[in-house]
């Protein structure tokens, strides 16, 4: 376990290095490299008689969850490539455009983004939705810049916080809202404790509503603090 944790730590450091140092490496290459290292070092020093049979290892893999993730990311990637996610996001912000509404009520925009992100994350996995929304938020900041001074009238930092709050809490609502939910259900079912969609919704939806409400109140009360975060 300690060996694989070490490989995980190195992989996380490499993820950060790629972004911060602008290394010419694909994230997918770092992921596959980390997985390969973890697989290799986990067998070092293990006697032949204690090694697991490959068929037993394959049997224990959560293939259902892996195939679900593969299909989900392909579907969301297709929606993003077609421009549907961006179109939905633009529809959300139509009422907060250059007509001045957003400048008079930035808190309302942030709260709307929290709830829209939460609901969308409950329907689509929160990670790809969050990734698809990031360039949209950047575009909002660009469109709000004064043509003369170049100063953005919309502070996008609170929007990033709203996106994180909405996606994080909204993913709890449904079984497909986050990767952790899918894995939890798969592991629970393998252990003989099947969790139905109805059971999950009965707990997940109230939790989403309560946490998003608390998040909205906190953002509304301490909005100025988010500006300098």
C-alpha atoms as a PDB file:
ATOM      1  CA  UNK A   1       0.000   0.000   0.000  1.00  0.00           C
ATOM      2  CA  UNK A   2       2.795   2.433   0.899  1.00  0.00           C
ATOM      3  CA  UNK A   3       4.425   1.870  -2.474  1.00  0.00           C
ATOM      4  CA  UNK A   4       1.270   2.673  -4.387  1.00  0.00           C
ATOM      5  CA  UNK A   5       0.655   5.714  -2.175  1.00  0.00           C
ATOM      6  CA  UNK A   6       4.122   6.897  -3.136  1.00  0.00           C
ATOM      7  CA  UNK A   7       3.277   6.450  -6.812  1.00  0.00           C
ATOM      8  CA  UNK A   8       0.039   8.369  -6.255  1.00  0.00           C
ATOM      9  CA  UNK A   9       1.935  11.216  -4.580  1.00  0.00           C
ATOM     10  CA  UNK A  10       4.387  11.421  -7.485  1.00  0.00           C
ATOM     11  CA  UNK A  11       1.490  11.456  -9.957  1.00  0.00           C
ATOM     12  CA  UNK A  12      -0.261  14.305  -8.122  1.00  0.00           C
ATOM     13  CA  UNK A  13       2.992  16.296  -8.028  1.00  0.00           C
ATOM     14  CA  UNK A  14       3.397  15.739 -11.765  1.00  0.00           C
ATOM     15  CA  UNK A  15      -0.163  16.946 -12.389  1.00  0.00           C
ATOM     16  CA  UNK A  16       0.690  20.179 -10.576  1.00  0.00           C
ATOM     17  CA  UNK A  17       4.059  20.500 -12.327  1.00  0.00           C
ATOM     18  CA  UNK A  18       2.491  20.157 -15.771  1.00  0.00           C
ATOM     19  CA  UNK A  19       0.123  23.044 -15.044  1.00  0.00           C
ATOM     20  CA  UNK A  20       2.454  25.320 -13.075  1.00  0.00           C
ATOM     21  CA  UNK A  21       5.624  24.791 -15.096  1.00  0.00           C
ATOM     22  CA  UNK A  22       3.819  24.466 -18.450  1.00  0.00           C
ATOM     23  CA  UNK A  23       5.550  21.180 -19.211  1.00  0.00           C
ATOM     24  CA  UNK A  24       5.011  19.684 -22.643  1.00  0.00           C
ATOM     25  CA  UNK A  25       3.226  16.623 -21.290  1.00  0.00           C
ATOM     26  CA  UNK A  26      -0.305  15.380 -21.712  1.00  0.00           C
ATOM     27  CA  UNK A  27      -2.284  14.785 -18.522  1.00  0.00           C
ATOM     28  CA  UNK A  28      -3.287  11.394 -19.906  1.00  0.00           C
ATOM     29  CA  UNK A  29       0.392  10.435 -20.241  1.00  0.00           C
ATOM     30  CA  UNK A  30       1.025  11.383 -16.616  1.00  0.00           C
ATOM     31  CA  UNK A  31      -1.984   9.322 -15.506  1.00  0.00           C
ATOM     32  CA  UNK A  32      -0.966   6.240 -17.457  1.00  0.00           C
ATOM     33  CA  UNK A  33       2.625   6.618 -16.314  1.00  0.00           C
ATOM     34  CA  UNK A  34       1.558   6.795 -12.677  1.00  0.00           C
ATOM     35  CA  UNK A  35      -0.653   3.733 -13.074  1.00  0.00           C
ATOM     36  CA  UNK A  36       2.166   1.815 -14.723  1.00  0.00           C
ATOM     37  CA  UNK A  37       4.617   2.720 -11.969  1.00  0.00           C
ATOM     38  CA  UNK A  38       2.126   1.737  -9.270  1.00  0.00           C
ATOM     39  CA  UNK A  39       1.491  -1.615 -10.943  1.00  0.00           C
ATOM     40  CA  UNK A  40       5.200  -2.306 -11.346  1.00  0.00           C
ATOM     41  CA  UNK A  41       6.401  -1.398  -7.858  1.00  0.00           C
ATOM     42  CA  UNK A  42       3.503  -3.153  -6.133  1.00  0.00           C
ATOM     43  CA  UNK A  43       4.986  -6.496  -7.184  1.00  0.00           C
ATOM     44  CA  UNK A  44       8.567  -5.743  -6.154  1.00  0.00           C
ATOM     45  CA  UNK A  45       9.803  -8.060  -3.434  1.00  0.00           C
ATOM     46  CA  UNK A  46       6.570 -10.074  -3.317  1.00  0.00           C
ATOM     47  CA  UNK A  47       7.214 -13.845  -3.333  1.00  0.00           C
ATOM     48  CA  UNK A  48       5.778 -15.739  -6.262  1.00  0.00           C
ATOM     49  CA  UNK A  49       3.473 -17.808  -4.045  1.00  0.00           C
ATOM     50  CA  UNK A  50       1.900 -14.668  -2.543  1.00  0.00           C
ATOM     51  CA  UNK A  51       1.164 -12.961  -5.824  1.00  0.00           C
ATOM     52  CA  UNK A  52      -2.476 -12.850  -6.877  1.00  0.00           C
ATOM     53  CA  UNK A  53      -3.530 -14.751  -9.961  1.00  0.00           C
ATOM     54  CA  UNK A  54      -4.247 -12.459 -12.911  1.00  0.00           C
ATOM     55  CA  UNK A  55      -7.724 -13.973 -13.319  1.00  0.00           C
ATOM     56  CA  UNK A  56      -8.537 -13.150  -9.697  1.00  0.00           C
ATOM     57  CA  UNK A  57      -7.330  -9.580 -10.179  1.00  0.00           C
ATOM     58  CA  UNK A  58      -9.416  -9.126 -13.327  1.00  0.00           C
ATOM     59  CA  UNK A  59     -12.456 -10.550 -11.539  1.00  0.00           C
ATOM     60  CA  UNK A  60     -12.143  -7.969  -8.747  1.00  0.00           C
ATOM     61  CA  UNK A  61     -11.968  -4.982 -11.093  1.00  0.00           C
ATOM     62  CA  UNK A  62     -15.153  -2.869 -11.071  1.00  0.00           C
ATOM     63  CA  UNK A  63     -15.740  -3.214 -14.798  1.00  0.00           C
ATOM     64  CA  UNK A  64     -19.264  -1.836 -14.605  1.00  0.00           C
ATOM     65  CA  UNK A  65     -18.051   1.405 -13.040  1.00  0.00           C
ATOM     66  CA  UNK A  66     -15.158   1.737 -15.497  1.00  0.00           C
ATOM     67  CA  UNK A  67     -17.410   1.224 -18.511  1.00  0.00           C
ATOM     68  CA  UNK A  68     -19.890   3.714 -17.077  1.00  0.00           C
ATOM     69  CA  UNK A  69     -17.173   6.354 -16.714  1.00  0.00           C
ATOM     70  CA  UNK A  70     -15.906   5.671 -20.224  1.00  0.00           C
ATOM     71  CA  UNK A  71     -19.364   6.065 -21.718  1.00  0.00           C
ATOM     72  CA  UNK A  72     -20.163   9.108 -19.597  1.00  0.00           C
ATOM     73  CA  UNK A  73     -17.038  11.023 -20.543  1.00  0.00           C
ATOM     74  CA  UNK A  74     -17.490  10.143 -24.211  1.00  0.00           C
ATOM     75  CA  UNK A  75     -21.070  11.431 -24.062  1.00  0.00           C
ATOM     76  CA  UNK A  76     -20.179  14.638 -22.208  1.00  0.00           C
ATOM     77  CA  UNK A  77     -17.165  15.193 -24.464  1.00  0.00           C
ATOM     78  CA  UNK A  78     -19.463  14.904 -27.469  1.00  0.00           C
ATOM     79  CA  UNK A  79     -21.930  17.382 -25.973  1.00  0.00           C
ATOM     80  CA  UNK A  80     -19.099  19.806 -25.265  1.00  0.00           C
ATOM     81  CA  UNK A  81     -17.636  19.416 -28.768  1.00  0.00           C
ATOM     82  CA  UNK A  82     -21.066  20.093 -30.278  1.00  0.00           C
ATOM     83  CA  UNK A  83     -21.330  23.250 -28.175  1.00  0.00           C
ATOM     84  CA  UNK A  84     -24.431  22.196 -26.246  1.00  0.00           C
ATOM     85  CA  UNK A  85     -22.947  22.744 -22.785  1.00  0.00           C
ATOM     86  CA  UNK A  86     -21.708  26.195 -23.730  1.00  0.00           C
ATOM     87  CA  UNK A  87     -25.097  27.020 -25.250  1.00  0.00           C
ATOM     88  CA  UNK A  88     -26.825  26.019 -22.018  1.00  0.00           C
ATOM     89  CA  UNK A  89     -24.399  28.137 -20.014  1.00  0.00           C
ATOM     90  CA  UNK A  90     -24.945  31.120 -22.295  1.00  0.00           C
ATOM     91  CA  UNK A  91     -28.700  30.758 -21.837  1.00  0.00           C
ATOM     92  CA  UNK A  92     -28.154  30.924 -18.089  1.00  0.00           C
ATOM     93  CA  UNK A  93     -26.267  34.200 -18.325  1.00  0.00           C
ATOM     94  CA  UNK A  94     -28.473  35.870 -20.939  1.00  0.00           C
ATOM     95  CA  UNK A  95     -30.333  37.698 -18.183  1.00  0.00           C
ATOM     96  CA  UNK A  96     -27.058  38.930 -16.732  1.00  0.00           C
ATOM     97  CA  UNK A  97     -25.516  40.348 -19.870  1.00  0.00           C
ATOM     98  CA  UNK A  98     -24.407  43.771 -21.040  1.00  0.00           C
ATOM     99  CA  UNK A  99     -27.770  45.345 -20.148  1.00  0.00           C
ATOM    100  CA  UNK A 100     -26.347  46.130 -16.723  1.00  0.00           C
ATOM    101  CA  UNK A 101     -28.285  43.578 -14.712  1.00  0.00           C
ATOM    102  CA  UNK A 102     -25.206  41.695 -13.648  1.00  0.00           C
ATOM    103  CA  UNK A 103     -23.433  44.843 -12.516  1.00  0.00           C
ATOM    104  CA  UNK A 104     -26.341  45.762 -10.252  1.00  0.00           C
ATOM    105  CA  UNK A 105     -26.804  42.302  -8.768  1.00  0.00           C
ATOM    106  CA  UNK A 106     -23.584  40.259  -8.935  1.00  0.00           C
ATOM    107  CA  UNK A 107     -24.664  38.279  -5.868  1.00  0.00           C
ATOM    108  CA  UNK A 108     -27.755  37.083  -7.732  1.00  0.00           C
ATOM    109  CA  UNK A 109     -25.593  35.843 -10.597  1.00  0.00           C
ATOM    110  CA  UNK A 110     -23.380  33.910  -8.186  1.00  0.00           C
ATOM    111  CA  UNK A 111     -26.360  32.307  -6.437  1.00  0.00           C
ATOM    112  CA  UNK A 112     -27.967  31.405  -9.769  1.00  0.00           C
ATOM    113  CA  UNK A 113     -24.709  29.782 -10.858  1.00  0.00           C
ATOM    114  CA  UNK A 114     -24.567  27.737  -7.642  1.00  0.00           C
ATOM    115  CA  UNK A 115     -28.012  26.252  -8.213  1.00  0.00           C
ATOM    116  CA  UNK A 116     -27.705  25.767 -11.960  1.00  0.00           C
ATOM    117  CA  UNK A 117     -24.355  24.032 -11.477  1.00  0.00           C
ATOM    118  CA  UNK A 118     -25.828  21.861  -8.741  1.00  0.00           C
ATOM    119  CA  UNK A 119     -28.797  20.758 -10.837  1.00  0.00           C
ATOM    120  CA  UNK A 120     -26.650  20.173 -13.928  1.00  0.00           C
ATOM    121  CA  UNK A 121     -24.097  18.202 -11.900  1.00  0.00           C
ATOM    122  CA  UNK A 122     -26.874  15.965 -10.614  1.00  0.00           C
ATOM    123  CA  UNK A 123     -27.819  15.124 -14.195  1.00  0.00           C
ATOM    124  CA  UNK A 124     -24.340  15.066 -15.727  1.00  0.00           C
ATOM    125  CA  UNK A 125     -21.196  14.050 -13.848  1.00  0.00           C
ATOM    126  CA  UNK A 126     -19.930  17.106 -11.967  1.00  0.00           C
ATOM    127  CA  UNK A 127     -16.313  16.898 -13.175  1.00  0.00           C
ATOM    128  CA  UNK A 128     -16.909  17.229 -16.947  1.00  0.00           C
ATOM    129  CA  UNK A 129     -19.618  19.835 -16.355  1.00  0.00           C
ATOM    130  CA  UNK A 130     -17.260  21.892 -14.212  1.00  0.00           C
ATOM    131  CA  UNK A 131     -14.517  21.609 -16.826  1.00  0.00           C
ATOM    132  CA  UNK A 132     -16.930  22.710 -19.558  1.00  0.00           C
ATOM    133  CA  UNK A 133     -18.045  25.748 -17.556  1.00  0.00           C
ATOM    134  CA  UNK A 134     -14.552  27.112 -16.852  1.00  0.00           C
ATOM    135  CA  UNK A 135     -14.019  28.670 -20.310  1.00  0.00           C
ATOM    136  CA  UNK A 136     -17.556  30.080 -20.191  1.00  0.00           C
ATOM    137  CA  UNK A 137     -16.765  31.947 -16.969  1.00  0.00           C
ATOM    138  CA  UNK A 138     -13.558  33.264 -18.529  1.00  0.00           C
ATOM    139  CA  UNK A 139     -15.575  34.477 -21.508  1.00  0.00           C
ATOM    140  CA  UNK A 140     -17.983  36.306 -19.182  1.00  0.00           C
ATOM    141  CA  UNK A 141     -15.041  38.178 -17.691  1.00  0.00           C
ATOM    142  CA  UNK A 142     -13.726  39.065 -21.151  1.00  0.00           C
ATOM    143  CA  UNK A 143     -17.109  40.318 -22.371  1.00  0.00           C
ATOM    144  CA  UNK A 144     -17.510  42.527 -19.308  1.00  0.00           C
ATOM    145  CA  UNK A 145     -14.269  44.445 -19.945  1.00  0.00           C
ATOM    146  CA  UNK A 146     -14.586  48.150 -20.599  1.00  0.00           C
ATOM    147  CA  UNK A 147     -13.503  48.793 -24.225  1.00  0.00           C
ATOM    148  CA  UNK A 148     -11.548  51.884 -23.171  1.00  0.00           C
ATOM    149  CA  UNK A 149      -9.911  50.962 -19.875  1.00  0.00           C
ATOM    150  CA  UNK A 150      -9.835  47.197 -20.391  1.00  0.00           C
ATOM    151  CA  UNK A 151     -10.993  46.699 -16.803  1.00  0.00           C
ATOM    152  CA  UNK A 152     -13.480  43.852 -16.288  1.00  0.00           C
ATOM    153  CA  UNK A 153     -16.707  44.961 -14.627  1.00  0.00           C
ATOM    154  CA  UNK A 154     -17.525  41.398 -13.567  1.00  0.00           C
ATOM    155  CA  UNK A 155     -15.240  39.798 -10.994  1.00  0.00           C
ATOM    156  CA  UNK A 156     -15.014  36.151 -12.030  1.00  0.00           C
ATOM    157  CA  UNK A 157     -13.417  34.913  -8.787  1.00  0.00           C
ATOM    158  CA  UNK A 158     -16.826  34.607  -7.032  1.00  0.00           C
ATOM    159  CA  UNK A 159     -18.113  32.770 -10.113  1.00  0.00           C
ATOM    160  CA  UNK A 160     -15.371  30.172  -9.738  1.00  0.00           C
ATOM    161  CA  UNK A 161     -16.350  29.716  -6.101  1.00  0.00           C
ATOM    162  CA  UNK A 162     -20.011  29.390  -7.097  1.00  0.00           C
ATOM    163  CA  UNK A 163     -19.129  26.769  -9.705  1.00  0.00           C
ATOM    164  CA  UNK A 164     -17.095  24.787  -7.171  1.00  0.00           C
ATOM    165  CA  UNK A 165     -19.874  24.948  -4.568  1.00  0.00           C
ATOM    166  CA  UNK A 166     -22.616  24.006  -7.015  1.00  0.00           C
ATOM    167  CA  UNK A 167     -20.733  21.158  -8.681  1.00  0.00           C
ATOM    168  CA  UNK A 168     -19.422  19.800  -5.388  1.00  0.00           C
ATOM    169  CA  UNK A 169     -22.759  19.743  -3.596  1.00  0.00           C
ATOM    170  CA  UNK A 170     -24.920  18.993  -6.643  1.00  0.00           C
ATOM    171  CA  UNK A 171     -22.976  15.840  -7.394  1.00  0.00           C
ATOM    172  CA  UNK A 172     -24.337  14.314  -4.193  1.00  0.00           C
ATOM    173  CA  UNK A 173     -27.936  14.331  -5.417  1.00  0.00           C
ATOM    174  CA  UNK A 174     -27.929  11.377  -7.814  1.00  0.00           C
ATOM    175  CA  UNK A 175     -25.993   8.136  -8.269  1.00  0.00           C
ATOM    176  CA  UNK A 176     -24.392   9.499 -11.460  1.00  0.00           C
ATOM    177  CA  UNK A 177     -23.634  12.942 -10.025  1.00  0.00           C
ATOM    178  CA  UNK A 178     -20.029  12.123  -9.242  1.00  0.00           C
ATOM    179  CA  UNK A 179     -17.472   9.390  -9.753  1.00  0.00           C
ATOM    180  CA  UNK A 180     -17.413   8.656  -6.021  1.00  0.00           C
ATOM    181  CA  UNK A 181     -21.145   7.910  -6.072  1.00  0.00           C
ATOM    182  CA  UNK A 182     -20.769   5.363  -8.855  1.00  0.00           C
ATOM    183  CA  UNK A 183     -17.902   3.633  -7.072  1.00  0.00           C
ATOM    184  CA  UNK A 184     -19.816   3.606  -3.780  1.00  0.00           C
ATOM    185  CA  UNK A 185     -22.807   1.917  -5.384  1.00  0.00           C
ATOM    186  CA  UNK A 186     -20.624  -0.605  -7.234  1.00  0.00           C
ATOM    187  CA  UNK A 187     -18.654  -1.554  -4.113  1.00  0.00           C
ATOM    188  CA  UNK A 188     -21.811  -1.717  -2.004  1.00  0.00           C
ATOM    189  CA  UNK A 189     -23.526  -3.968  -4.542  1.00  0.00           C
ATOM    190  CA  UNK A 190     -20.496  -6.239  -4.663  1.00  0.00           C
ATOM    191  CA  UNK A 191     -20.725  -6.539  -0.878  1.00  0.00           C
ATOM    192  CA  UNK A 192     -24.361  -7.607  -1.062  1.00  0.00           C
ATOM    193  CA  UNK A 193     -25.910  -4.258  -0.129  1.00  0.00           C
ATOM    194  CA  UNK A 194     -27.551  -2.908  -3.258  1.00  0.00           C
ATOM    195  CA  UNK A 195     -28.482   0.785  -3.206  1.00  0.00           C
ATOM    196  CA  UNK A 196     -31.377   1.641  -5.492  1.00  0.00           C
ATOM    197  CA  UNK A 197     -31.696   4.953  -7.315  1.00  0.00           C
ATOM    198  CA  UNK A 198     -34.808   5.754  -5.279  1.00  0.00           C
ATOM    199  CA  UNK A 199     -32.948   5.208  -2.016  1.00  0.00           C
ATOM    200  CA  UNK A 200     -30.071   7.402  -3.132  1.00  0.00           C
ATOM    201  CA  UNK A 201     -32.365  10.216  -4.291  1.00  0.00           C
ATOM    202  CA  UNK A 202     -34.230  10.094  -0.986  1.00  0.00           C
ATOM    203  CA  UNK A 203     -31.042  11.069   0.817  1.00  0.00           C
ATOM    204  CA  UNK A 204     -29.014  12.814  -1.882  1.00  0.00           C
ATOM    205  CA  UNK A 205     -31.561  15.395  -3.036  1.00  0.00           C
ATOM    206  CA  UNK A 206     -32.300  16.763   0.474  1.00  0.00           C
ATOM    207  CA  UNK A 207     -28.560  16.894   1.181  1.00  0.00           C
ATOM    208  CA  UNK A 208     -27.998  18.828  -2.047  1.00  0.00           C
ATOM    209  CA  UNK A 209     -30.777  21.299  -1.246  1.00  0.00           C
ATOM    210  CA  UNK A 210     -29.566  21.884   2.317  1.00  0.00           C
ATOM    211  CA  UNK A 211     -25.891  22.285   1.408  1.00  0.00           C
ATOM    212  CA  UNK A 212     -26.566  24.514  -1.600  1.00  0.00           C
ATOM    213  CA  UNK A 213     -28.864  26.681   0.512  1.00  0.00           C
ATOM    214  CA  UNK A 214     -26.146  27.058   3.137  1.00  0.00           C
ATOM    215  CA  UNK A 215     -23.598  27.794   0.412  1.00  0.00           C
ATOM    216  CA  UNK A 216     -25.859  30.448  -1.130  1.00  0.00           C
ATOM    217  CA  UNK A 217     -26.375  32.135   2.242  1.00  0.00           C
ATOM    218  CA  UNK A 218     -22.646  32.148   2.982  1.00  0.00           C
ATOM    219  CA  UNK A 219     -21.826  33.623  -0.428  1.00  0.00           C
ATOM    220  CA  UNK A 220     -24.545  36.277  -0.069  1.00  0.00           C
ATOM    221  CA  UNK A 221     -23.398  37.307   3.416  1.00  0.00           C
ATOM    222  CA  UNK A 222     -19.662  37.256   2.730  1.00  0.00           C
ATOM    223  CA  UNK A 223     -19.591  38.159  -0.961  1.00  0.00           C
ATOM    224  CA  UNK A 224     -16.933  40.849  -0.494  1.00  0.00           C
ATOM    225  CA  UNK A 225     -14.559  38.291   1.016  1.00  0.00           C
ATOM    226  CA  UNK A 226     -14.823  36.148  -2.101  1.00  0.00           C
ATOM    227  CA  UNK A 227     -13.685  39.096  -4.219  1.00  0.00           C
ATOM    228  CA  UNK A 228     -10.259  39.067  -2.603  1.00  0.00           C
ATOM    229  CA  UNK A 229      -9.977  35.281  -2.173  1.00  0.00           C
END
